[in-house]
Amino acid sequence: TPDHTIYQVSSEIKGALAQGWQGRIGTIIDQLLPAGSILGAPRESTRR
């Protein structure tokens, strides 16, 4: 940034989708929203 360097910590998580995932791409994204990283846990009580 103009004033300093920001360090952010990340991790990587992977999994395998079933064949034909392209035809379910919207449905897959829908099942993962809202993004957990900007929500919290547990999902519903934290959202409220």
All heavy atoms as atom14 arrays in JSON, in Angstrom:
{
  "sequence": "TPDHTIYQVSSEIKGALAQGWQGRIGTIIDQLLPAGSILGAPRESTRR",
  "atom14_mask": [
    [1, 1, 1, 1, 1, 1, 1, 0, 0, 0, 0, 0, 0, 0],
    [1, 1, 1, 1, 1, 1, 1, 0, 0, 0, 0, 0, 0, 0],
    [1, 1, 1, 1, 1, 1, 1, 1, 0, 0, 0, 0, 0, 0],
    [1, 1, 1, 1, 1, 1, 1, 1, 1, 1, 0, 0, 0, 0],
    [1, 1, 1, 1, 1, 1, 1, 0, 0, 0, 0, 0, 0, 0],
    [1, 1, 1, 1, 1, 1, 1, 1, 0, 0, 0, 0, 0, 0],
    [1, 1, 1, 1, 1, 1, 1, 1, 1, 1, 1, 1, 0, 0],
    [1, 1, 1, 1, 1, 1, 1, 1, 1, 0, 0, 0, 0, 0],
    [1, 1, 1, 1, 1, 1, 1, 0, 0, 0, 0, 0, 0, 0],
    [1, 1, 1, 1, 1, 1, 0, 0, 0, 0, 0, 0, 0, 0],
    [1, 1, 1, 1, 1, 1, 0, 0, 0, 0, 0, 0, 0, 0],
    [1, 1, 1, 1, 1, 1, 1, 1, 1, 0, 0, 0, 0, 0],
    [1, 1, 1, 1, 1, 1, 1, 1, 0, 0, 0, 0, 0, 0],
    [1, 1, 1, 1, 1, 1, 1, 1, 1, 0, 0, 0, 0, 0],
    [1, 1, 1, 1, 0, 0, 0, 0, 0, 0, 0, 0, 0, 0],
    [1, 1, 1, 1, 1, 0, 0, 0, 0, 0, 0, 0, 0, 0],
    [1, 1, 1, 1, 1, 1, 1, 1, 0, 0, 0, 0, 0, 0],
    [1, 1, 1, 1, 1, 0, 0, 0, 0, 0, 0, 0, 0, 0],
    [1, 1, 1, 1, 1, 1, 1, 1, 1, 0, 0, 0, 0, 0],
    [1, 1, 1, 1, 0, 0, 0, 0, 0, 0, 0, 0, 0, 0],
    [1, 1, 1, 1, 1, 1, 1, 1, 1, 1, 1, 1, 1, 1],
    [1, 1, 1, 1, 1, 1, 1, 1, 1, 0, 0, 0, 0, 0],
    [1, 1, 1, 1, 0, 0, 0, 0, 0, 0, 0, 0, 0, 0],
    [1, 1, 1, 1, 1, 1, 1, 1, 1, 1, 1, 0, 0, 0],
    [1, 1, 1, 1, 1, 1, 1, 1, 0, 0, 0, 0, 0, 0],
    [1, 1, 1, 1, 0, 0, 0, 0, 0, 0, 0, 0, 0, 0],
    [1, 1, 1, 1, 1, 1, 1, 0, 0, 0, 0, 0, 0, 0],
    [1, 1, 1, 1, 1, 1, 1, 1, 0, 0, 0, 0, 0, 0],
    [1, 1, 1, 1, 1, 1, 1, 1, 0, 0, 0, 0, 0, 0],
    [1, 1, 1, 1, 1, 1, 1, 1, 0, 0, 0, 0, 0, 0],
    [1, 1, 1, 1, 1, 1, 1, 1, 1, 0, 0, 0, 0, 0],
    [1, 1, 1, 1, 1, 1, 1, 1, 0, 0, 0, 0, 0, 0],
    [1, 1, 1, 1, 1, 1, 1, 1, 0, 0, 0, 0, 0, 0],
    [1, 1, 1, 1, 1, 1, 1, 0, 0, 0, 0, 0, 0, 0],
    [1, 1, 1, 1, 1, 0, 0, 0, 0, 0, 0, 0, 0, 0],
    [1, 1, 1, 1, 0, 0, 0, 0, 0, 0, 0, 0, 0, 0],
    [1, 1, 1, 1, 1, 1, 0, 0, 0, 0, 0, 0, 0, 0],
    [1, 1, 1, 1, 1, 1, 1, 1, 0, 0, 0, 0, 0, 0],
    [1, 1, 1, 1, 1, 1, 1, 1, 0, 0, 0, 0, 0, 0],
    [1, 1, 1, 1, 0, 0, 0, 0, 0, 0, 0, 0, 0, 0],
    [1, 1, 1, 1, 1, 0, 0, 0, 0, 0, 0, 0, 0, 0],
    [1, 1, 1, 1, 1, 1, 1, 0, 0, 0, 0, 0, 0, 0],
    [1, 1, 1, 1, 1, 1, 1, 1, 1, 1, 1, 0, 0, 0],
    [1, 1, 1, 1, 1, 1, 1, 1, 1, 0, 0, 0, 0, 0],
    [1, 1, 1, 1, 1, 1, 0, 0, 0, 0, 0, 0, 0, 0],
    [1, 1, 1, 1, 1, 1, 1, 0, 0, 0, 0, 0, 0, 0],
    [1, 1, 1, 1, 1, 1, 1, 1, 1, 1, 1, 0, 0, 0],
    [1, 1, 1, 1, 1, 1, 1, 1, 1, 1, 1, 0, 0, 0]
  ],
  "atom14_positions": [
    [[0.86, -1.18, 0.0], [0.0, 0.0, 0.0], [0.9, 1.23, 0.0], [2.11, 1.12, 0.22], [-0.93, 0.02, 1.23], [-0.18, 0.45, 2.38], [-1.51, -1.36, 1.51], [0.0, 0.0, 0.0], [0.0, 0.0, 0.0], [0.0, 0.0, 0.0], [0.0, 0.0, 0.0], [0.0, 0.0, 0.0], [0.0, 0.0, 0.0], [0.0, 0.0, 0.0]],
    [[0.34, 2.42, -0.22], [1.19, 3.62, -0.22], [1.92, 3.85, 1.1], [2.99, 4.45, 1.12], [0.18, 4.75, -0.5], [-0.93, 4.08, -1.25], [-1.04, 2.71, -0.66], [0.0, 0.0, 0.0], [0.0, 0.0, 0.0], [0.0, 0.0, 0.0], [0.0, 0.0, 0.0], [0.0, 0.0, 0.0], [0.0, 0.0, 0.0], [0.0, 0.0, 0.0]],
    [[1.36, 3.35, 2.21], [1.94, 3.64, 3.53], [2.75, 2.49, 4.12], [3.67, 2.72, 4.91], [0.83, 4.03, 4.51], [0.06, 5.25, 4.05], [0.71, 6.19, 3.56], [-1.17, 5.26, 4.16], [0.0, 0.0, 0.0], [0.0, 0.0, 0.0], [0.0, 0.0, 0.0], [0.0, 0.0, 0.0], [0.0, 0.0, 0.0], [0.0, 0.0, 0.0]],
    [[2.4, 1.25, 3.79], [3.07, 0.11, 4.4], [2.76, -1.16, 3.61], [1.98, -1.14, 2.65], [2.63, -0.06, 5.86], [1.15, 0.06, 6.07], [0.57, 1.1, 6.78], [0.12, -0.69, 5.63], [-0.74, 0.96, 6.78], [-1.04, -0.12, 6.09], [0.0, 0.0, 0.0], [0.0, 0.0, 0.0], [0.0, 0.0, 0.0], [0.0, 0.0, 0.0]],
    [[3.35, -2.25, 4.04], [3.05, -3.57, 3.47], [2.09, -4.3, 4.41], [2.3, -4.31, 5.63], [4.33, -4.4, 3.28], [5.18, -3.73, 2.34], [4.01, -5.8, 2.76], [0.0, 0.0, 0.0], [0.0, 0.0, 0.0], [0.0, 0.0, 0.0], [0.0, 0.0, 0.0], [0.0, 0.0, 0.0], [0.0, 0.0, 0.0], [0.0, 0.0, 0.0]],
    [[1.05, -4.9, 3.84], [0.11, -5.7, 4.61], [0.44, -7.17, 4.38], [0.57, -7.62, 3.24], [-1.34, -5.4, 4.2], [-1.72, -3.97, 4.57], [-2.31, -6.39, 4.85], [-3.11, -3.56, 4.12], [0.0, 0.0, 0.0], [0.0, 0.0, 0.0], [0.0, 0.0, 0.0], [0.0, 0.0, 0.0], [0.0, 0.0, 0.0], [0.0, 0.0, 0.0]],
    [[0.59, -7.91, 5.48], [0.77, -9.36, 5.4], [-0.57, -10.01, 5.71], [-1.21, -9.7, 6.72], [1.81, -9.83, 6.41], [3.2, -9.3, 6.19], [3.66, -8.2, 6.91], [4.06, -9.89, 5.26], [4.93, -7.7, 6.71], [5.34, -9.39, 5.06], [5.76, -8.3, 5.78], [7.03, -7.8, 5.58], [0.0, 0.0, 0.0], [0.0, 0.0, 0.0]],
    [[-0.99, -10.93, 4.84], [-2.22, -11.68, 5.09], [-1.91, -13.18, 5.05], [-1.11, -13.64, 4.24], [-3.29, -11.33, 4.06], [-3.77, -9.89, 4.22], [-5.05, -9.6, 3.47], [-5.11, -9.79, 2.27], [-6.05, -9.12, 4.17], [0.0, 0.0, 0.0], [0.0, 0.0, 0.0], [0.0, 0.0, 0.0], [0.0, 0.0, 0.0], [0.0, 0.0, 0.0]],
    [[-2.57, -13.92, 5.93], [-2.33, -15.35, 6.06], [-3.44, -16.12, 5.36], [-4.62, -15.84, 5.55], [-2.25, -15.76, 7.54], [-1.85, -17.23, 7.67], [-1.27, -14.88, 8.29], [0.0, 0.0, 0.0], [0.0, 0.0, 0.0], [0.0, 0.0, 0.0], [0.0, 0.0, 0.0], [0.0, 0.0, 0.0], [0.0, 0.0, 0.0], [0.0, 0.0, 0.0]],
    [[-3.06, -17.08, 4.52], [-4.02, -17.86, 3.74], [-3.77, -19.35, 3.93], [-2.7, -19.77, 4.38], [-3.92, -17.52, 2.25], [-4.22, -16.18, 2.0], [0.0, 0.0, 0.0], [0.0, 0.0, 0.0], [0.0, 0.0, 0.0], [0.0, 0.0, 0.0], [0.0, 0.0, 0.0], [0.0, 0.0, 0.0], [0.0, 0.0, 0.0], [0.0, 0.0, 0.0]],
    [[-4.77, -20.15, 3.58], [-4.64, -21.6, 3.45], [-5.34, -22.02, 2.18], [-6.16, -21.27, 1.62], [-5.25, -22.32, 4.65], [-4.48, -22.14, 5.81], [0.0, 0.0, 0.0], [0.0, 0.0, 0.0], [0.0, 0.0, 0.0], [0.0, 0.0, 0.0], [0.0, 0.0, 0.0], [0.0, 0.0, 0.0], [0.0, 0.0, 0.0], [0.0, 0.0, 0.0]],
    [[-5.04, -23.23, 1.69], [-5.67, -23.74, 0.47], [-6.41, -25.04, 0.79], [-5.86, -25.93, 1.43], [-4.63, -24.0, -0.6], [-5.23, -24.49, -1.93], [-4.17, -24.76, -2.97], [-3.3, -25.61, -2.74], [-4.21, -24.1, -4.02], [0.0, 0.0, 0.0], [0.0, 0.0, 0.0], [0.0, 0.0, 0.0], [0.0, 0.0, 0.0], [0.0, 0.0, 0.0]],
    [[-7.66, -25.11, 0.32], [-8.51, -26.29, 0.53], [-8.99, -26.76, -0.82], [-9.4, -25.94, -1.66], [-9.71, -25.93, 1.44], [-9.23, -25.21, 2.7], [-10.51, -27.18, 1.8], [-10.3, -24.42, 3.4], [0.0, 0.0, 0.0], [0.0, 0.0, 0.0], [0.0, 0.0, 0.0], [0.0, 0.0, 0.0], [0.0, 0.0, 0.0], [0.0, 0.0, 0.0]],
    [[-8.97, -28.07, -1.07], [-9.33, -28.63, -2.37], [-10.29, -29.8, -2.22], [-10.32, -30.48, -1.21], [-8.08, -29.12, -3.11], [-7.14, -28.05, -3.59], [-5.99, -28.67, -4.38], [-5.06, -27.6, -4.94], [-3.95, -28.2, -5.73], [0.0, 0.0, 0.0], [0.0, 0.0, 0.0], [0.0, 0.0, 0.0], [0.0, 0.0, 0.0], [0.0, 0.0, 0.0]],
    [[-11.07, -30.03, -3.29], [-11.93, -31.2, -3.38], [-12.22, -31.51, -4.84], [-11.86, -30.74, -5.74], [0.0, 0.0, 0.0], [0.0, 0.0, 0.0], [0.0, 0.0, 0.0], [0.0, 0.0, 0.0], [0.0, 0.0, 0.0], [0.0, 0.0, 0.0], [0.0, 0.0, 0.0], [0.0, 0.0, 0.0], [0.0, 0.0, 0.0], [0.0, 0.0, 0.0]],
    [[-12.89, -32.63, -5.1], [-13.18, -33.08, -6.47], [-14.68, -33.07, -6.72], [-15.45, -33.67, -5.96], [-12.63, -34.49, -6.69], [0.0, 0.0, 0.0], [0.0, 0.0, 0.0], [0.0, 0.0, 0.0], [0.0, 0.0, 0.0], [0.0, 0.0, 0.0], [0.0, 0.0, 0.0], [0.0, 0.0, 0.0], [0.0, 0.0, 0.0], [0.0, 0.0, 0.0]],
    [[-15.1, -32.4, -7.81], [-16.51, -32.36, -8.21], [-16.83, -33.55, -9.11], [-15.95, -34.09, -9.79], [-16.82, -31.07, -8.96], [-16.65, -29.76, -8.19], [-16.82, -28.57, -9.12], [-17.62, -29.67, -7.02], [0.0, 0.0, 0.0], [0.0, 0.0, 0.0], [0.0, 0.0, 0.0], [0.0, 0.0, 0.0], [0.0, 0.0, 0.0], [0.0, 0.0, 0.0]],
    [[-18.1, -33.94, -9.12], [-18.54, -35.01, -10.0], [-18.52, -34.52, -11.45], [-18.56, -33.31, -11.73], [-19.95, -35.46, -9.62], [0.0, 0.0, 0.0], [0.0, 0.0, 0.0], [0.0, 0.0, 0.0], [0.0, 0.0, 0.0], [0.0, 0.0, 0.0], [0.0, 0.0, 0.0], [0.0, 0.0, 0.0], [0.0, 0.0, 0.0], [0.0, 0.0, 0.0]],
    [[-18.46, -35.46, -12.39], [-18.49, -35.11, -13.81], [-19.77, -34.34, -14.15], [-20.81, -34.54, -13.54], [-18.41, -36.38, -14.66], [-17.04, -37.03, -14.67], [-16.97, -38.17, -15.67], [-17.99, -38.66, -16.15], [-15.76, -38.59, -16.0], [0.0, 0.0, 0.0], [0.0, 0.0, 0.0], [0.0, 0.0, 0.0], [0.0, 0.0, 0.0], [0.0, 0.0, 0.0]],
    [[-19.65, -33.46, -15.15], [-20.8, -32.66, -15.55], [-21.05, -31.46, -14.65], [-22.12, -30.86, -14.69], [0.0, 0.0, 0.0], [0.0, 0.0, 0.0], [0.0, 0.0, 0.0], [0.0, 0.0, 0.0], [0.0, 0.0, 0.0], [0.0, 0.0, 0.0], [0.0, 0.0, 0.0], [0.0, 0.0, 0.0], [0.0, 0.0, 0.0], [0.0, 0.0, 0.0]],
    [[-20.02, -31.07, -13.88], [-20.18, -29.95, -12.95], [-20.53, -28.65, -13.67], [-21.17, -27.76, -13.08], [-18.9, -29.76, -12.13], [-17.68, -29.43, -12.93], [-16.75, -30.3, -13.43], [-17.26, -28.13, -13.36], [-15.77, -29.62, -14.13], [-16.05, -28.28, -14.1], [-17.77, -26.83, -13.18], [-15.36, -27.21, -14.67], [-17.08, -25.76, -13.74], [-15.9, -25.95, -14.47]],
    [[-20.13, -28.53, -14.94], [-20.38, -27.28, -15.67], [-21.88, -26.95, -15.72], [-22.27, -25.79, -15.65], [-19.82, -27.37, -17.09], [-18.3, -27.5, -17.15], [-17.83, -28.95, -17.1], [-18.59, -29.86, -16.76], [-16.57, -29.18, -17.47], [0.0, 0.0, 0.0], [0.0, 0.0, 0.0], [0.0, 0.0, 0.0], [0.0, 0.0, 0.0], [0.0, 0.0, 0.0]],
    [[-22.72, -27.97, -15.87], [-24.16, -27.75, -15.94], [-24.8, -27.49, -14.59], [-26.0, -27.21, -14.51], [0.0, 0.0, 0.0], [0.0, 0.0, 0.0], [0.0, 0.0, 0.0], [0.0, 0.0, 0.0], [0.0, 0.0, 0.0], [0.0, 0.0, 0.0], [0.0, 0.0, 0.0], [0.0, 0.0, 0.0], [0.0, 0.0, 0.0], [0.0, 0.0, 0.0]],
    [[-24.01, -27.53, -13.51], [-24.5, -27.24, -12.16], [-23.71, -26.09, -11.54], [-23.76, -25.9, -10.31], [-24.37, -28.47, -11.26], [-25.04, -29.72, -11.78], [-25.03, -30.84, -10.72], [-23.68, -31.1, -10.22], [-22.78, -31.88, -10.81], [-23.09, -32.48, -11.95], [-21.59, -32.06, -10.28], [0.0, 0.0, 0.0], [0.0, 0.0, 0.0], [0.0, 0.0, 0.0]],
    [[-23.01, -25.34, -12.36], [-22.08, -24.36, -11.82], [-22.77, -23.31, -10.94], [-22.27, -22.94, -9.88], [-21.27, -23.7, -12.97], [-20.13, -22.87, -12.42], [-22.16, -22.89, -13.9], [-19.14, -22.43, -13.5], [0.0, 0.0, 0.0], [0.0, 0.0, 0.0], [0.0, 0.0, 0.0], [0.0, 0.0, 0.0], [0.0, 0.0, 0.0], [0.0, 0.0, 0.0]],
    [[-23.95, -22.84, -11.35], [-24.68, -21.89, -10.53], [-25.15, -22.52, -9.23], [-25.06, -21.91, -8.16], [0.0, 0.0, 0.0], [0.0, 0.0, 0.0], [0.0, 0.0, 0.0], [0.0, 0.0, 0.0], [0.0, 0.0, 0.0], [0.0, 0.0, 0.0], [0.0, 0.0, 0.0], [0.0, 0.0, 0.0], [0.0, 0.0, 0.0], [0.0, 0.0, 0.0]],
    [[-25.67, -23.73, -9.33], [-26.15, -24.44, -8.14], [-25.02, -24.69, -7.15], [-25.2, -24.56, -5.93], [-26.8, -25.77, -8.56], [-27.88, -25.5, -9.46], [-27.32, -26.53, -7.35], [0.0, 0.0, 0.0], [0.0, 0.0, 0.0], [0.0, 0.0, 0.0], [0.0, 0.0, 0.0], [0.0, 0.0, 0.0], [0.0, 0.0, 0.0], [0.0, 0.0, 0.0]],
    [[-23.84, -25.04, -7.66], [-22.68, -25.26, -6.79], [-22.31, -23.98, -6.05], [-22.1, -23.97, -4.83], [-21.49, -25.78, -7.62], [-21.75, -27.21, -8.09], [-20.19, -25.72, -6.81], [-20.77, -27.71, -9.15], [0.0, 0.0, 0.0], [0.0, 0.0, 0.0], [0.0, 0.0, 0.0], [0.0, 0.0, 0.0], [0.0, 0.0, 0.0], [0.0, 0.0, 0.0]],
    [[-22.23, -22.86, -6.77], [-21.89, -21.58, -6.15], [-22.94, -21.21, -5.11], [-22.61, -20.77, -4.0], [-21.77, -20.47, -7.21], [-20.59, -20.75, -8.16], [-21.61, -19.1, -6.56], [-19.25, -20.8, -7.48], [0.0, 0.0, 0.0], [0.0, 0.0, 0.0], [0.0, 0.0, 0.0], [0.0, 0.0, 0.0], [0.0, 0.0, 0.0], [0.0, 0.0, 0.0]],
    [[-24.21, -21.42, -5.43], [-25.3, -21.1, -4.51], [-25.14, -21.84, -3.18], [-25.37, -21.29, -2.11], [-26.64, -21.45, -5.16], [-27.81, -21.26, -4.23], [-27.91, -20.19, -3.61], [-28.64, -22.19, -4.11], [0.0, 0.0, 0.0], [0.0, 0.0, 0.0], [0.0, 0.0, 0.0], [0.0, 0.0, 0.0], [0.0, 0.0, 0.0], [0.0, 0.0, 0.0]],
    [[-24.73, -23.11, -3.24], [-24.6, -23.91, -2.03], [-23.45, -23.44, -1.14], [-23.4, -23.79, 0.04], [-24.38, -25.38, -2.4], [-25.62, -26.05, -2.96], [-25.36, -27.51, -3.31], [-24.93, -27.83, -4.41], [-25.59, -28.38, -2.35], [0.0, 0.0, 0.0], [0.0, 0.0, 0.0], [0.0, 0.0, 0.0], [0.0, 0.0, 0.0], [0.0, 0.0, 0.0]],
    [[-22.55, -22.63, -1.68], [-21.38, -22.17, -0.92], [-21.53, -20.75, -0.39], [-20.64, -20.25, 0.3], [-20.14, -22.24, -1.81], [-19.76, -23.64, -2.33], [-18.61, -23.54, -3.32], [-19.42, -24.58, -1.18], [0.0, 0.0, 0.0], [0.0, 0.0, 0.0], [0.0, 0.0, 0.0], [0.0, 0.0, 0.0], [0.0, 0.0, 0.0], [0.0, 0.0, 0.0]],
    [[-22.64, -20.09, -0.7], [-22.83, -18.7, -0.3], [-23.71, -18.57, 0.93], [-24.56, -19.41, 1.18], [-23.46, -17.92, -1.47], [-22.58, -17.73, -2.7], [-23.35, -17.03, -3.81], [-21.32, -16.93, -2.36], [0.0, 0.0, 0.0], [0.0, 0.0, 0.0], [0.0, 0.0, 0.0], [0.0, 0.0, 0.0], [0.0, 0.0, 0.0], [0.0, 0.0, 0.0]],
    [[-23.51, -17.46, 1.7], [-22.46, -16.45, 1.58], [-21.08, -17.06, 1.85], [-20.96, -18.07, 2.53], [-22.8, -15.42, 2.65], [-24.21, -15.67, 3.01], [-24.43, -17.14, 2.8], [0.0, 0.0, 0.0], [0.0, 0.0, 0.0], [0.0, 0.0, 0.0], [0.0, 0.0, 0.0], [0.0, 0.0, 0.0], [0.0, 0.0, 0.0], [0.0, 0.0, 0.0]],
    [[-20.05, -16.43, 1.3], [-18.68, -16.92, 1.49], [-18.35, -16.98, 2.98], [-18.56, -16.02, 3.71], [-17.7, -16.0, 0.77], [0.0, 0.0, 0.0], [0.0, 0.0, 0.0], [0.0, 0.0, 0.0], [0.0, 0.0, 0.0], [0.0, 0.0, 0.0], [0.0, 0.0, 0.0], [0.0, 0.0, 0.0], [0.0, 0.0, 0.0], [0.0, 0.0, 0.0]],
    [[-17.85, -18.13, 3.41], [-17.58, -18.31, 4.83], [-16.57, -17.34, 5.4], [-16.65, -16.95, 6.57], [0.0, 0.0, 0.0], [0.0, 0.0, 0.0], [0.0, 0.0, 0.0], [0.0, 0.0, 0.0], [0.0, 0.0, 0.0], [0.0, 0.0, 0.0], [0.0, 0.0, 0.0], [0.0, 0.0, 0.0], [0.0, 0.0, 0.0], [0.0, 0.0, 0.0]],
    [[-15.62, -16.88, 4.57], [-14.56, -16.01, 5.07], [-15.06, -14.64, 5.47], [-14.42, -13.93, 6.25], [-13.44, -15.87, 4.04], [-13.93, -15.24, 2.86], [0.0, 0.0, 0.0], [0.0, 0.0, 0.0], [0.0, 0.0, 0.0], [0.0, 0.0, 0.0], [0.0, 0.0, 0.0], [0.0, 0.0, 0.0], [0.0, 0.0, 0.0], [0.0, 0.0, 0.0]],
    [[-16.22, -14.21, 4.93], [-16.76, -12.9, 5.3], [-18.05, -13.05, 6.12], [-18.79, -12.1, 6.31], [-17.02, -12.02, 4.05], [-17.78, -12.76, 2.94], [-15.69, -11.51, 3.5], [-19.23, -13.0, 3.21], [0.0, 0.0, 0.0], [0.0, 0.0, 0.0], [0.0, 0.0, 0.0], [0.0, 0.0, 0.0], [0.0, 0.0, 0.0], [0.0, 0.0, 0.0]],
    [[-18.29, -14.27, 6.61], [-19.46, -14.52, 7.45], [-18.97, -14.96, 8.82], [-18.8, -14.16, 9.73], [-20.35, -15.59, 6.8], [-21.66, -15.9, 7.51], [-22.54, -14.67, 7.62], [-22.39, -17.02, 6.79], [0.0, 0.0, 0.0], [0.0, 0.0, 0.0], [0.0, 0.0, 0.0], [0.0, 0.0, 0.0], [0.0, 0.0, 0.0], [0.0, 0.0, 0.0]],
    [[-18.69, -16.25, 8.99], [-18.25, -16.78, 10.27], [-18.92, -18.11, 10.55], [-19.47, -18.75, 9.64], [0.0, 0.0, 0.0], [0.0, 0.0, 0.0], [0.0, 0.0, 0.0], [0.0, 0.0, 0.0], [0.0, 0.0, 0.0], [0.0, 0.0, 0.0], [0.0, 0.0, 0.0], [0.0, 0.0, 0.0], [0.0, 0.0, 0.0], [0.0, 0.0, 0.0]],
    [[-18.88, -18.52, 11.79], [-19.42, -19.83, 12.15], [-19.98, -19.78, 13.58], [-19.44, -19.1, 14.45], [-18.31, -20.88, 12.06], [0.0, 0.0, 0.0], [0.0, 0.0, 0.0], [0.0, 0.0, 0.0], [0.0, 0.0, 0.0], [0.0, 0.0, 0.0], [0.0, 0.0, 0.0], [0.0, 0.0, 0.0], [0.0, 0.0, 0.0], [0.0, 0.0, 0.0]],
    [[-21.1, -20.53, 13.8], [-21.94, -21.24, 12.82], [-22.63, -20.24, 11.88], [-22.85, -19.09, 12.24], [-22.97, -21.97, 13.68], [-22.43, -21.95, 15.08], [-21.6, -20.72, 15.18], [0.0, 0.0, 0.0], [0.0, 0.0, 0.0], [0.0, 0.0, 0.0], [0.0, 0.0, 0.0], [0.0, 0.0, 0.0], [0.0, 0.0, 0.0], [0.0, 0.0, 0.0]],
    [[-22.99, -20.7, 10.7], [-23.43, -19.81, 9.64], [-24.65, -18.96, 10.02], [-24.59, -17.73, 10.01], [-23.73, -20.61, 8.38], [-22.52, -20.86, 7.51], [-22.89, -21.61, 6.26], [-21.79, -21.56, 5.3], [-21.59, -20.58, 4.44], [-22.42, -19.56, 4.42], [-20.57, -20.6, 3.62], [0.0, 0.0, 0.0], [0.0, 0.0, 0.0], [0.0, 0.0, 0.0]],
    [[-25.79, -19.61, 10.28], [-27.05, -18.86, 10.39], [-27.09, -17.97, 11.63], [-27.51, -16.82, 11.56], [-28.24, -19.82, 10.36], [-28.49, -20.42, 8.99], [-28.53, -19.37, 7.88], [-29.25, -18.36, 8.04], [-27.83, -19.54, 6.86], [0.0, 0.0, 0.0], [0.0, 0.0, 0.0], [0.0, 0.0, 0.0], [0.0, 0.0, 0.0], [0.0, 0.0, 0.0]],
    [[-26.68, -18.48, 12.77], [-26.72, -17.65, 13.98], [-25.71, -16.51, 13.88], [-25.98, -15.4, 14.36], [-26.45, -18.5, 15.22], [-25.22, -19.19, 15.13], [0.0, 0.0, 0.0], [0.0, 0.0, 0.0], [0.0, 0.0, 0.0], [0.0, 0.0, 0.0], [0.0, 0.0, 0.0], [0.0, 0.0, 0.0], [0.0, 0.0, 0.0], [0.0, 0.0, 0.0]],
    [[-24.58, -16.74, 13.23], [-23.6, -15.67, 13.04], [-24.13, -14.62, 12.08], [-23.94, -13.41, 12.29], [-22.27, -16.25, 12.52], [-21.74, -17.15, 13.49], [-21.27, -15.14, 12.25], [0.0, 0.0, 0.0], [0.0, 0.0, 0.0], [0.0, 0.0, 0.0], [0.0, 0.0, 0.0], [0.0, 0.0, 0.0], [0.0, 0.0, 0.0], [0.0, 0.0, 0.0]],
    [[-24.83, -15.06, 11.05], [-25.4, -14.09, 10.1], [-26.4, -13.17, 10.8], [-26.41, -11.95, 10.57], [-26.07, -14.84, 8.95], [-26.52, -13.94, 7.82], [-26.96, -14.76, 6.63], [-27.34, -13.92, 5.51], [-27.62, -14.37, 4.3], [-27.54, -15.66, 4.05], [-27.95, -13.55, 3.32], [0.0, 0.0, 0.0], [0.0, 0.0, 0.0], [0.0, 0.0, 0.0]],
    [[-27.22, -13.72, 11.68], [-28.18, -12.89, 12.43], [-27.45, -11.95, 13.37], [-27.84, -10.78, 13.53], [-29.16, -13.79, 13.2], [-30.12, -14.57, 12.3], [-31.23, -15.21, 13.11], [-30.72, -16.24, 14.02], [-30.6, -17.52, 13.69], [-30.95, -17.93, 12.47], [-30.15, -18.4, 14.57], [0.0, 0.0, 0.0], [0.0, 0.0, 0.0], [0.0, 0.0, 0.0]]
  ]
}
